């Protein structure tokens, strides 16, 4: 029987992941101006991979166990997640070039609804009407945050909206695939399985992007090494966020993790006000209240 404290461990793991991801997104937005969308996309994977290896080494050292053996099913899930996350990150950064940091985050955070449906259909994760309603309420709050006073949701045009929502769909698909990969491993503690899939996921992503950039955009690849300090920081934050996302996926349904992760929208608002001088409207405040209500319901149902 799982200890009660362990059944709640996904909550702090998700909060840590969301915090690290918010800071990493800021770093990647800055890198986009310097080395382009594709160059900034590869940073979190190529520079994050060494840190994933370090996390796995620590997990093995603490547990006194070797990593679980990879099997065909886990590898297939992992490859699907790796490709989906690359596409999601690129689309997110492309959206950031056209809309504000906070609004882009809001667009991509249509993800929980998509993730809840994908996970229920593909993995059989539980999705009661009440839970789906909570996810919808929280997501509605996110969409309200996208509005600015006197401006519609399409105020920036249809293109950034479509890019952002599509990014959310790929993020949702990536989350489902990575949870599928973790569950497909035959042995190991939740922490060891999460760390193992992180290494495989980032390794595949780094390989894909190095080959792609080496063939088609070598300048972007080389440029990321000329700004290695920023790239290394973004890579570390990306690996740290993914480590805790995967811990969450190992312990509970994708919908729970990704809905609680909407606290990132609050953090994005703080970042926008502090770094980019972007004001928060009353409508955005109402949106945040809806997010709080949806998240609170998810926590009540999950605990």
C-alpha atoms as a PDB file:
ATOM      1  CA  UNK A   1       0.000   0.000   0.000  1.00  0.00           C
ATOM      2  CA  UNK A   2       1.366   3.448  -0.945  1.00  0.00           C
ATOM      3  CA  UNK A   3       2.112   5.656   2.095  1.00  0.00           C
ATOM      4  CA  UNK A   4      -0.124   8.716   2.340  1.00  0.00           C
ATOM      5  CA  UNK A   5       2.806  11.137   2.147  1.00  0.00           C
ATOM      6  CA  UNK A   6       3.950   9.561  -1.102  1.00  0.00           C
ATOM      7  CA  UNK A   7       0.496   9.944  -2.624  1.00  0.00           C
ATOM      8  CA  UNK A   8       0.892  13.704  -2.086  1.00  0.00           C
ATOM      9  CA  UNK A   9       4.467  13.980  -3.329  1.00  0.00           C
ATOM     10  CA  UNK A  10       3.326  14.888  -6.835  1.00  0.00           C
ATOM     11  CA  UNK A  11       2.057  18.231  -5.491  1.00  0.00           C
ATOM     12  CA  UNK A  12       5.405  19.758  -4.419  1.00  0.00           C
ATOM     13  CA  UNK A  13       7.061  18.086  -7.425  1.00  0.00           C
ATOM     14  CA  UNK A  14       4.643  19.863  -9.774  1.00  0.00           C
ATOM     15  CA  UNK A  15       5.094  23.223  -8.029  1.00  0.00           C
ATOM     16  CA  UNK A  16       8.886  22.965  -8.284  1.00  0.00           C
ATOM     17  CA  UNK A  17       8.627  21.971 -11.940  1.00  0.00           C
ATOM     18  CA  UNK A  18       6.322  24.886 -12.760  1.00  0.00           C
ATOM     19  CA  UNK A  19       8.626  27.369 -11.026  1.00  0.00           C
ATOM     20  CA  UNK A  20      11.737  26.107 -12.815  1.00  0.00           C
ATOM     21  CA  UNK A  21       9.917  26.038 -16.140  1.00  0.00           C
ATOM     22  CA  UNK A  22       8.770  29.644 -15.799  1.00  0.00           C
ATOM     23  CA  UNK A  23      12.318  30.893 -15.289  1.00  0.00           C
ATOM     24  CA  UNK A  24      13.547  28.672 -18.128  1.00  0.00           C
ATOM     25  CA  UNK A  25      10.926  30.107 -20.486  1.00  0.00           C
ATOM     26  CA  UNK A  26      12.204  33.609 -19.706  1.00  0.00           C
ATOM     27  CA  UNK A  27      15.756  32.493 -20.473  1.00  0.00           C
ATOM     28  CA  UNK A  28      14.659  30.910 -23.752  1.00  0.00           C
ATOM     29  CA  UNK A  29      12.725  34.002 -24.761  1.00  0.00           C
ATOM     30  CA  UNK A  30      15.911  36.023 -24.349  1.00  0.00           C
ATOM     31  CA  UNK A  31      17.916  33.448 -26.312  1.00  0.00           C
ATOM     32  CA  UNK A  32      15.364  33.543 -29.155  1.00  0.00           C
ATOM     33  CA  UNK A  33      16.378  37.126 -29.929  1.00  0.00           C
ATOM     34  CA  UNK A  34      20.050  36.119 -29.976  1.00  0.00           C
ATOM     35  CA  UNK A  35      20.092  32.759 -31.784  1.00  0.00           C
ATOM     36  CA  UNK A  36      16.619  32.319 -33.305  1.00  0.00           C
ATOM     37  CA  UNK A  37      13.667  30.055 -32.514  1.00  0.00           C
ATOM     38  CA  UNK A  38      15.275  26.744 -33.510  1.00  0.00           C
ATOM     39  CA  UNK A  39      18.532  27.608 -31.773  1.00  0.00           C
ATOM     40  CA  UNK A  40      16.733  28.518 -28.558  1.00  0.00           C
ATOM     41  CA  UNK A  41      14.592  25.380 -28.815  1.00  0.00           C
ATOM     42  CA  UNK A  42      17.585  23.047 -28.833  1.00  0.00           C
ATOM     43  CA  UNK A  43      19.207  24.695 -25.813  1.00  0.00           C
ATOM     44  CA  UNK A  44      16.917  23.111 -23.227  1.00  0.00           C
ATOM     45  CA  UNK A  45      17.613  19.659 -24.649  1.00  0.00           C
ATOM     46  CA  UNK A  46      21.266  19.701 -25.693  1.00  0.00           C
ATOM     47  CA  UNK A  47      22.464  21.640 -22.652  1.00  0.00           C
ATOM     48  CA  UNK A  48      19.986  19.874 -20.369  1.00  0.00           C
ATOM     49  CA  UNK A  49      21.133  16.339 -21.192  1.00  0.00           C
ATOM     50  CA  UNK A  50      24.304  16.384 -19.005  1.00  0.00           C
ATOM     51  CA  UNK A  51      22.213  17.483 -16.033  1.00  0.00           C
ATOM     52  CA  UNK A  52      19.751  14.638 -16.677  1.00  0.00           C
ATOM     53  CA  UNK A  53      22.666  12.203 -16.495  1.00  0.00           C
ATOM     54  CA  UNK A  54      23.712  13.795 -13.213  1.00  0.00           C
ATOM     55  CA  UNK A  55      20.181  13.461 -11.785  1.00  0.00           C
ATOM     56  CA  UNK A  56      20.051   9.788 -12.799  1.00  0.00           C
ATOM     57  CA  UNK A  57      23.462   9.166 -11.207  1.00  0.00           C
ATOM     58  CA  UNK A  58      22.238  10.713  -7.956  1.00  0.00           C
ATOM     59  CA  UNK A  59      19.053   8.616  -8.101  1.00  0.00           C
ATOM     60  CA  UNK A  60      21.108   5.432  -8.523  1.00  0.00           C
ATOM     61  CA  UNK A  61      23.472   6.440  -5.726  1.00  0.00           C
ATOM     62  CA  UNK A  62      20.655   7.219  -3.286  1.00  0.00           C
ATOM     63  CA  UNK A  63      18.640   4.096  -4.102  1.00  0.00           C
ATOM     64  CA  UNK A  64      21.625   1.780  -4.452  1.00  0.00           C
ATOM     65  CA  UNK A  65      20.043   0.391  -7.627  1.00  0.00           C
ATOM     66  CA  UNK A  66      20.901   0.406 -11.318  1.00  0.00           C
ATOM     67  CA  UNK A  67      18.556   2.097 -13.805  1.00  0.00           C
ATOM     68  CA  UNK A  68      15.723  -0.132 -15.020  1.00  0.00           C
ATOM     69  CA  UNK A  69      16.274  -1.762 -18.415  1.00  0.00           C
ATOM     70  CA  UNK A  70      14.669   0.042 -21.347  1.00  0.00           C
ATOM     71  CA  UNK A  71      12.148  -1.998 -23.345  1.00  0.00           C
ATOM     72  CA  UNK A  72      10.561  -1.490 -26.741  1.00  0.00           C
ATOM     73  CA  UNK A  73       7.291  -0.112 -25.405  1.00  0.00           C
ATOM     74  CA  UNK A  74       8.984   2.444 -23.144  1.00  0.00           C
ATOM     75  CA  UNK A  75      11.312   3.496 -25.954  1.00  0.00           C
ATOM     76  CA  UNK A  76       8.405   4.031 -28.351  1.00  0.00           C
ATOM     77  CA  UNK A  77       6.531   6.144 -25.802  1.00  0.00           C
ATOM     78  CA  UNK A  78       9.710   8.091 -25.057  1.00  0.00           C
ATOM     79  CA  UNK A  79      10.434   8.821 -28.716  1.00  0.00           C
ATOM     80  CA  UNK A  80       6.872  10.066 -29.217  1.00  0.00           C
ATOM     81  CA  UNK A  81       7.187  12.344 -26.208  1.00  0.00           C
ATOM     82  CA  UNK A  82      10.596  13.615 -27.341  1.00  0.00           C
ATOM     83  CA  UNK A  83       9.372  14.644 -30.791  1.00  0.00           C
ATOM     84  CA  UNK A  84       6.139  16.181 -29.454  1.00  0.00           C
ATOM     85  CA  UNK A  85       8.034  18.257 -26.879  1.00  0.00           C
ATOM     86  CA  UNK A  86      10.479  19.584 -29.484  1.00  0.00           C
ATOM     87  CA  UNK A  87       7.582  20.717 -31.662  1.00  0.00           C
ATOM     88  CA  UNK A  88       5.747  22.203 -28.659  1.00  0.00           C
ATOM     89  CA  UNK A  89       8.773  24.203 -27.516  1.00  0.00           C
ATOM     90  CA  UNK A  90       9.429  25.593 -30.991  1.00  0.00           C
ATOM     91  CA  UNK A  91       5.786  26.619 -31.411  1.00  0.00           C
ATOM     92  CA  UNK A  92       5.767  28.231 -27.957  1.00  0.00           C
ATOM     93  CA  UNK A  93       8.870  30.299 -28.705  1.00  0.00           C
ATOM     94  CA  UNK A  94       7.449  31.319 -32.085  1.00  0.00           C
ATOM     95  CA  UNK A  95       4.294  32.521 -30.290  1.00  0.00           C
ATOM     96  CA  UNK A  96       6.390  34.510 -27.810  1.00  0.00           C
ATOM     97  CA  UNK A  97       7.825  36.514 -30.702  1.00  0.00           C
ATOM     98  CA  UNK A  98       4.308  37.714 -31.568  1.00  0.00           C
ATOM     99  CA  UNK A  99       2.563  38.033 -28.189  1.00  0.00           C
ATOM    100  CA  UNK A 100       3.575  38.833 -24.619  1.00  0.00           C
ATOM    101  CA  UNK A 101       5.218  36.299 -22.324  1.00  0.00           C
ATOM    102  CA  UNK A 102       2.136  35.980 -20.095  1.00  0.00           C
ATOM    103  CA  UNK A 103      -0.316  35.703 -23.009  1.00  0.00           C
ATOM    104  CA  UNK A 104       1.805  33.045 -24.702  1.00  0.00           C
ATOM    105  CA  UNK A 105       1.851  31.070 -21.465  1.00  0.00           C
ATOM    106  CA  UNK A 106      -1.939  31.407 -21.326  1.00  0.00           C
ATOM    107  CA  UNK A 107      -2.391  30.103 -24.868  1.00  0.00           C
ATOM    108  CA  UNK A 108      -0.203  27.066 -24.229  1.00  0.00           C
ATOM    109  CA  UNK A 109      -2.031  26.379 -20.980  1.00  0.00           C
ATOM    110  CA  UNK A 110      -5.038  25.139 -22.888  1.00  0.00           C
ATOM    111  CA  UNK A 111      -2.899  22.006 -22.513  1.00  0.00           C
ATOM    112  CA  UNK A 112      -4.612  20.547 -19.387  1.00  0.00           C
ATOM    113  CA  UNK A 113      -7.934  19.993 -21.178  1.00  0.00           C
ATOM    114  CA  UNK A 114      -6.180  18.348 -24.098  1.00  0.00           C
ATOM    115  CA  UNK A 115      -3.930  16.329 -21.779  1.00  0.00           C
ATOM    116  CA  UNK A 116      -6.895  15.103 -19.715  1.00  0.00           C
ATOM    117  CA  UNK A 117      -8.654  13.810 -22.840  1.00  0.00           C
ATOM    118  CA  UNK A 118      -5.506  12.305 -24.395  1.00  0.00           C
ATOM    119  CA  UNK A 119      -4.530  10.554 -21.161  1.00  0.00           C
ATOM    120  CA  UNK A 120      -8.020   9.151 -20.625  1.00  0.00           C
ATOM    121  CA  UNK A 121      -8.178   7.805 -24.174  1.00  0.00           C
ATOM    122  CA  UNK A 122      -4.599   6.535 -24.478  1.00  0.00           C
ATOM    123  CA  UNK A 123      -3.535   5.585 -20.948  1.00  0.00           C
ATOM    124  CA  UNK A 124      -6.874   5.031 -19.257  1.00  0.00           C
ATOM    125  CA  UNK A 125      -6.177   7.749 -16.656  1.00  0.00           C
ATOM    126  CA  UNK A 126      -9.337   8.389 -14.621  1.00  0.00           C
ATOM    127  CA  UNK A 127     -11.405  11.353 -15.836  1.00  0.00           C
ATOM    128  CA  UNK A 128     -14.689  11.861 -14.003  1.00  0.00           C
ATOM    129  CA  UNK A 129     -17.149  14.581 -15.103  1.00  0.00           C
ATOM    130  CA  UNK A 130     -16.293  16.602 -11.994  1.00  0.00           C
ATOM    131  CA  UNK A 131     -12.566  16.418 -12.666  1.00  0.00           C
ATOM    132  CA  UNK A 132     -13.045  17.391 -16.300  1.00  0.00           C
ATOM    133  CA  UNK A 133     -15.217  20.297 -15.156  1.00  0.00           C
ATOM    134  CA  UNK A 134     -12.453  21.465 -12.805  1.00  0.00           C
ATOM    135  CA  UNK A 135      -9.929  21.320 -15.641  1.00  0.00           C
ATOM    136  CA  UNK A 136     -12.293  23.340 -17.858  1.00  0.00           C
ATOM    137  CA  UNK A 137     -12.822  25.997 -15.169  1.00  0.00           C
ATOM    138  CA  UNK A 138      -9.095  26.401 -14.637  1.00  0.00           C
ATOM    139  CA  UNK A 139      -8.488  26.568 -18.376  1.00  0.00           C
ATOM    140  CA  UNK A 140     -11.240  29.177 -18.784  1.00  0.00           C
ATOM    141  CA  UNK A 141      -9.358  31.231 -16.231  1.00  0.00           C
ATOM    142  CA  UNK A 142      -6.241  30.932 -18.359  1.00  0.00           C
ATOM    143  CA  UNK A 143      -8.128  32.095 -21.451  1.00  0.00           C
ATOM    144  CA  UNK A 144      -9.461  35.119 -19.576  1.00  0.00           C
ATOM    145  CA  UNK A 145      -5.905  36.052 -18.732  1.00  0.00           C
ATOM    146  CA  UNK A 146      -5.242  36.186 -22.461  1.00  0.00           C
ATOM    147  CA  UNK A 147      -7.537  39.181 -22.787  1.00  0.00           C
ATOM    148  CA  UNK A 148      -6.346  42.735 -22.292  1.00  0.00           C
ATOM    149  CA  UNK A 149      -8.632  45.710 -21.546  1.00  0.00           C
ATOM    150  CA  UNK A 150     -10.425  46.677 -24.760  1.00  0.00           C
ATOM    151  CA  UNK A 151      -8.880  43.797 -26.669  1.00  0.00           C
ATOM    152  CA  UNK A 152     -10.306  40.464 -27.794  1.00  0.00           C
ATOM    153  CA  UNK A 153      -8.666  37.072 -27.564  1.00  0.00           C
ATOM    154  CA  UNK A 154      -7.724  37.532 -31.222  1.00  0.00           C
ATOM    155  CA  UNK A 155      -6.312  41.014 -30.572  1.00  0.00           C
ATOM    156  CA  UNK A 156      -2.899  39.856 -31.728  1.00  0.00           C
ATOM    157  CA  UNK A 157      -4.291  38.037 -34.744  1.00  0.00           C
ATOM    158  CA  UNK A 158      -5.303  34.447 -35.385  1.00  0.00           C
ATOM    159  CA  UNK A 159      -1.765  33.173 -36.056  1.00  0.00           C
ATOM    160  CA  UNK A 160      -0.362  33.485 -32.489  1.00  0.00           C
ATOM    161  CA  UNK A 161      -3.550  31.984 -31.048  1.00  0.00           C
ATOM    162  CA  UNK A 162      -3.293  28.942 -33.318  1.00  0.00           C
ATOM    163  CA  UNK A 163       0.432  28.577 -32.676  1.00  0.00           C
ATOM    164  CA  UNK A 164      -0.086  28.768 -28.911  1.00  0.00           C
ATOM    165  CA  UNK A 165      -2.983  26.309 -28.794  1.00  0.00           C
ATOM    166  CA  UNK A 166      -1.106  23.913 -31.079  1.00  0.00           C
ATOM    167  CA  UNK A 167       1.903  24.192 -28.782  1.00  0.00           C
ATOM    168  CA  UNK A 168      -0.398  23.261 -25.901  1.00  0.00           C
ATOM    169  CA  UNK A 169      -1.615  20.212 -27.825  1.00  0.00           C
ATOM    170  CA  UNK A 170       1.933  18.988 -28.393  1.00  0.00           C
ATOM    171  CA  UNK A 171       2.861  19.645 -24.764  1.00  0.00           C
ATOM    172  CA  UNK A 172      -0.180  17.576 -23.762  1.00  0.00           C
ATOM    173  CA  UNK A 173       0.812  14.765 -26.100  1.00  0.00           C
ATOM    174  CA  UNK A 174       4.384  14.856 -24.765  1.00  0.00           C
ATOM    175  CA  UNK A 175       3.157  14.591 -21.167  1.00  0.00           C
ATOM    176  CA  UNK A 176       0.969  11.595 -22.015  1.00  0.00           C
ATOM    177  CA  UNK A 177       3.799   9.863 -23.876  1.00  0.00           C
ATOM    178  CA  UNK A 178       6.334  10.407 -21.095  1.00  0.00           C
ATOM    179  CA  UNK A 179       3.908   9.084 -18.476  1.00  0.00           C
ATOM    180  CA  UNK A 180       3.323   6.101 -20.748  1.00  0.00           C
ATOM    181  CA  UNK A 181       7.091   5.538 -20.947  1.00  0.00           C
ATOM    182  CA  UNK A 182       7.492   5.697 -17.166  1.00  0.00           C
ATOM    183  CA  UNK A 183       4.651   3.232 -16.613  1.00  0.00           C
ATOM    184  CA  UNK A 184       6.053   0.895 -19.293  1.00  0.00           C
ATOM    185  CA  UNK A 185       9.293   0.288 -17.381  1.00  0.00           C
ATOM    186  CA  UNK A 186       9.245  -3.064 -15.623  1.00  0.00           C
ATOM    187  CA  UNK A 187      11.132  -2.190 -12.420  1.00  0.00           C
ATOM    188  CA  UNK A 188      12.549   0.566 -10.243  1.00  0.00           C
ATOM    189  CA  UNK A 189      11.168   3.125  -7.817  1.00  0.00           C
ATOM    190  CA  UNK A 190       9.094   6.021  -9.137  1.00  0.00           C
ATOM    191  CA  UNK A 191      12.092   8.333  -8.791  1.00  0.00           C
ATOM    192  CA  UNK A 192      14.459   5.986 -10.619  1.00  0.00           C
ATOM    193  CA  UNK A 193      11.971   5.343 -13.431  1.00  0.00           C
ATOM    194  CA  UNK A 194      11.325   9.087 -13.831  1.00  0.00           C
ATOM    195  CA  UNK A 195      15.068   9.826 -13.963  1.00  0.00           C
ATOM    196  CA  UNK A 196      15.684   7.032 -16.468  1.00  0.00           C
ATOM    197  CA  UNK A 197      13.029   8.292 -18.875  1.00  0.00           C
ATOM    198  CA  UNK A 198      14.353  11.834 -18.476  1.00  0.00           C
ATOM    199  CA  UNK A 199      17.803  10.717 -19.654  1.00  0.00           C
ATOM    200  CA  UNK A 200      16.386   8.795 -22.606  1.00  0.00           C
ATOM    201  CA  UNK A 201      14.017  11.622 -23.515  1.00  0.00           C
ATOM    202  CA  UNK A 202      16.615  14.393 -23.405  1.00  0.00           C
ATOM    203  CA  UNK A 203      19.166  12.151 -25.098  1.00  0.00           C
ATOM    204  CA  UNK A 204      16.839  11.497 -28.028  1.00  0.00           C
ATOM    205  CA  UNK A 205      15.912  15.170 -28.246  1.00  0.00           C
ATOM    206  CA  UNK A 206      19.542  16.308 -28.167  1.00  0.00           C
ATOM    207  CA  UNK A 207      20.443  13.812 -30.895  1.00  0.00           C
ATOM    208  CA  UNK A 208      17.515  14.817 -33.121  1.00  0.00           C
ATOM    209  CA  UNK A 209      18.252  18.525 -32.827  1.00  0.00           C
ATOM    210  CA  UNK A 210      22.024  18.271 -33.229  1.00  0.00           C
ATOM    211  CA  UNK A 211      21.550  16.285 -36.442  1.00  0.00           C
ATOM    212  CA  UNK A 212      18.838  18.674 -37.687  1.00  0.00           C
ATOM    213  CA  UNK A 213      20.811  21.826 -36.936  1.00  0.00           C
ATOM    214  CA  UNK A 214      24.065  20.310 -38.170  1.00  0.00           C
ATOM    215  CA  UNK A 215      22.464  19.680 -41.555  1.00  0.00           C
ATOM    216  CA  UNK A 216      20.142  22.667 -41.926  1.00  0.00           C
ATOM    217  CA  UNK A 217      21.091  25.447 -39.487  1.00  0.00           C
ATOM    218  CA  UNK A 218      24.645  25.019 -38.273  1.00  0.00           C
ATOM    219  CA  UNK A 219      24.867  28.726 -37.433  1.00  0.00           C
ATOM    220  CA  UNK A 220      22.118  28.400 -34.799  1.00  0.00           C
ATOM    221  CA  UNK A 221      23.867  25.398 -33.244  1.00  0.00           C
ATOM    222  CA  UNK A 222      27.238  27.161 -33.070  1.00  0.00           C
ATOM    223  CA  UNK A 223      25.623  30.366 -31.779  1.00  0.00           C
ATOM    224  CA  UNK A 224      24.188  28.553 -28.748  1.00  0.00           C
ATOM    225  CA  UNK A 225      27.739  27.753 -27.675  1.00  0.00           C
ATOM    226  CA  UNK A 226      28.851  31.369 -28.060  1.00  0.00           C
ATOM    227  CA  UNK A 227      26.260  32.293 -25.408  1.00  0.00           C
ATOM    228  CA  UNK A 228      27.059  29.191 -23.383  1.00  0.00           C
ATOM    229  CA  UNK A 229      26.414  30.720 -19.973  1.00  0.00           C
ATOM    230  CA  UNK A 230      22.790  31.544 -20.801  1.00  0.00           C
ATOM    231  CA  UNK A 231      22.411  28.263 -22.699  1.00  0.00           C
ATOM    232  CA  UNK A 232      23.782  26.248 -19.786  1.00  0.00           C
ATOM    233  CA  UNK A 233      21.444  27.996 -17.344  1.00  0.00           C
ATOM    234  CA  UNK A 234      18.426  27.355 -19.587  1.00  0.00           C
ATOM    235  CA  UNK A 235      19.512  23.731 -20.016  1.00  0.00           C
ATOM    236  CA  UNK A 236      19.840  23.196 -16.280  1.00  0.00           C
ATOM    237  CA  UNK A 237      16.442  24.765 -15.579  1.00  0.00           C
ATOM    238  CA  UNK A 238      14.868  22.695 -18.352  1.00  0.00           C
ATOM    239  CA  UNK A 239      16.325  19.454 -16.997  1.00  0.00           C
ATOM    240  CA  UNK A 240      15.329  20.386 -13.438  1.00  0.00           C
ATOM    241  CA  UNK A 241      11.755  21.157 -14.483  1.00  0.00           C
ATOM    242  CA  UNK A 242      11.499  17.933 -16.495  1.00  0.00           C
ATOM    243  CA  UNK A 243      12.879  15.884 -13.593  1.00  0.00           C
ATOM    244  CA  UNK A 244      10.046  17.039 -11.364  1.00  0.00           C
ATOM    245  CA  UNK A 245       7.413  16.832 -14.129  1.00  0.00           C
ATOM    246  CA  UNK A 246       8.383  13.203 -14.603  1.00  0.00           C
ATOM    247  CA  UNK A 247       8.215  12.532 -10.867  1.00  0.00           C
ATOM    248  CA  UNK A 248       4.678  13.902 -10.965  1.00  0.00           C
ATOM    249  CA  UNK A 249       3.789  11.740 -13.975  1.00  0.00           C
ATOM    250  CA  UNK A 250       5.160   8.666 -12.190  1.00  0.00           C
ATOM    251  CA  UNK A 251       2.871   9.264  -9.207  1.00  0.00           C
ATOM    252  CA  UNK A 252      -0.477  10.496 -10.547  1.00  0.00           C
ATOM    253  CA  UNK A 253      -2.624  11.127 -13.618  1.00  0.00           C
ATOM    254  CA  UNK A 254      -1.448  13.622 -16.232  1.00  0.00           C
ATOM    255  CA  UNK A 255      -4.557  15.783 -15.747  1.00  0.00           C
ATOM    256  CA  UNK A 256      -3.745  16.295 -12.064  1.00  0.00           C
ATOM    257  CA  UNK A 257      -0.176  17.371 -12.757  1.00  0.00           C
ATOM    258  CA  UNK A 258      -0.918  19.632 -15.710  1.00  0.00           C
ATOM    259  CA  UNK A 259      -3.879  21.354 -14.031  1.00  0.00           C
ATOM    260  CA  UNK A 260      -1.920  22.115 -10.869  1.00  0.00           C
ATOM    261  CA  UNK A 261       0.842  23.359 -13.184  1.00  0.00           C
ATOM    262  CA  UNK A 262      -1.428  26.281 -14.101  1.00  0.00           C
ATOM    263  CA  UNK A 263       0.150  28.060 -11.134  1.00  0.00           C
ATOM    264  CA  UNK A 264       2.795  28.823 -13.763  1.00  0.00           C
ATOM    265  CA  UNK A 265       0.401  31.431 -15.117  1.00  0.00           C
ATOM    266  CA  UNK A 266       0.646  33.313 -11.816  1.00  0.00           C
ATOM    267  CA  UNK A 267       4.422  33.125 -12.036  1.00  0.00           C
ATOM    268  CA  UNK A 268       4.323  34.283 -15.644  1.00  0.00           C
ATOM    269  CA  UNK A 269       2.295  37.317 -14.608  1.00  0.00           C
ATOM    270  CA  UNK A 270       4.905  38.168 -11.984  1.00  0.00           C
ATOM    271  CA  UNK A 271       7.702  37.736 -14.525  1.00  0.00           C
ATOM    272  CA  UNK A 272       5.857  39.901 -17.049  1.00  0.00           C
ATOM    273  CA  UNK A 273       5.369  42.727 -14.591  1.00  0.00           C
ATOM    274  CA  UNK A 274       8.904  42.596 -13.223  1.00  0.00           C
ATOM    275  CA  UNK A 275      10.880  41.967 -16.425  1.00  0.00           C
ATOM    276  CA  UNK A 276       8.755  43.156 -19.320  1.00  0.00           C
ATOM    277  CA  UNK A 277       6.621  45.901 -17.705  1.00  0.00           C
ATOM    278  CA  UNK A 278       3.367  44.223 -18.724  1.00  0.00           C
ATOM    279  CA  UNK A 279       0.390  45.275 -16.602  1.00  0.00           C
ATOM    280  CA  UNK A 280      -2.226  42.854 -15.207  1.00  0.00           C
ATOM    281  CA  UNK A 281      -5.878  43.736 -15.888  1.00  0.00           C
ATOM    282  CA  UNK A 282      -8.964  43.100 -13.789  1.00  0.00           C
ATOM    283  CA  UNK A 283     -10.069  40.449 -16.266  1.00  0.00           C
ATOM    284  CA  UNK A 284      -6.747  38.683 -15.763  1.00  0.00           C
ATOM    285  CA  UNK A 285      -7.354  38.791 -12.007  1.00  0.00           C
ATOM    286  CA  UNK A 286     -10.737  37.112 -12.512  1.00  0.00           C
ATOM    287  CA  UNK A 287      -9.017  34.525 -14.637  1.00  0.00           C
ATOM    288  CA  UNK A 288      -6.581  33.791 -11.838  1.00  0.00           C
ATOM    289  CA  UNK A 289      -9.481  33.271  -9.422  1.00  0.00           C
ATOM    290  CA  UNK A 290     -10.967  30.685 -11.783  1.00  0.00           C
ATOM    291  CA  UNK A 291      -7.609  28.969 -12.015  1.00  0.00           C
ATOM    292  CA  UNK A 292      -7.464  28.812  -8.226  1.00  0.00           C
ATOM    293  CA  UNK A 293     -10.954  27.300  -8.074  1.00  0.00           C
ATOM    294  CA  UNK A 294     -10.168  24.653 -10.693  1.00  0.00           C
ATOM    295  CA  UNK A 295      -6.842  23.746  -9.097  1.00  0.00           C
ATOM    296  CA  UNK A 296      -8.438  23.550  -5.640  1.00  0.00           C
ATOM    297  CA  UNK A 297     -11.047  21.122  -6.979  1.00  0.00           C
ATOM    298  CA  UNK A 298      -8.386  18.973  -8.633  1.00  0.00           C
ATOM    299  CA  UNK A 299      -6.419  18.813  -5.389  1.00  0.00           C
ATOM    300  CA  UNK A 300      -9.552  17.860  -3.442  1.00  0.00           C
ATOM    301  CA  UNK A 301     -10.369  15.060  -5.875  1.00  0.00           C
ATOM    302  CA  UNK A 302      -6.791  13.784  -6.077  1.00  0.00           C
ATOM    303  CA  UNK A 303      -5.973  13.696  -2.363  1.00  0.00           C
END
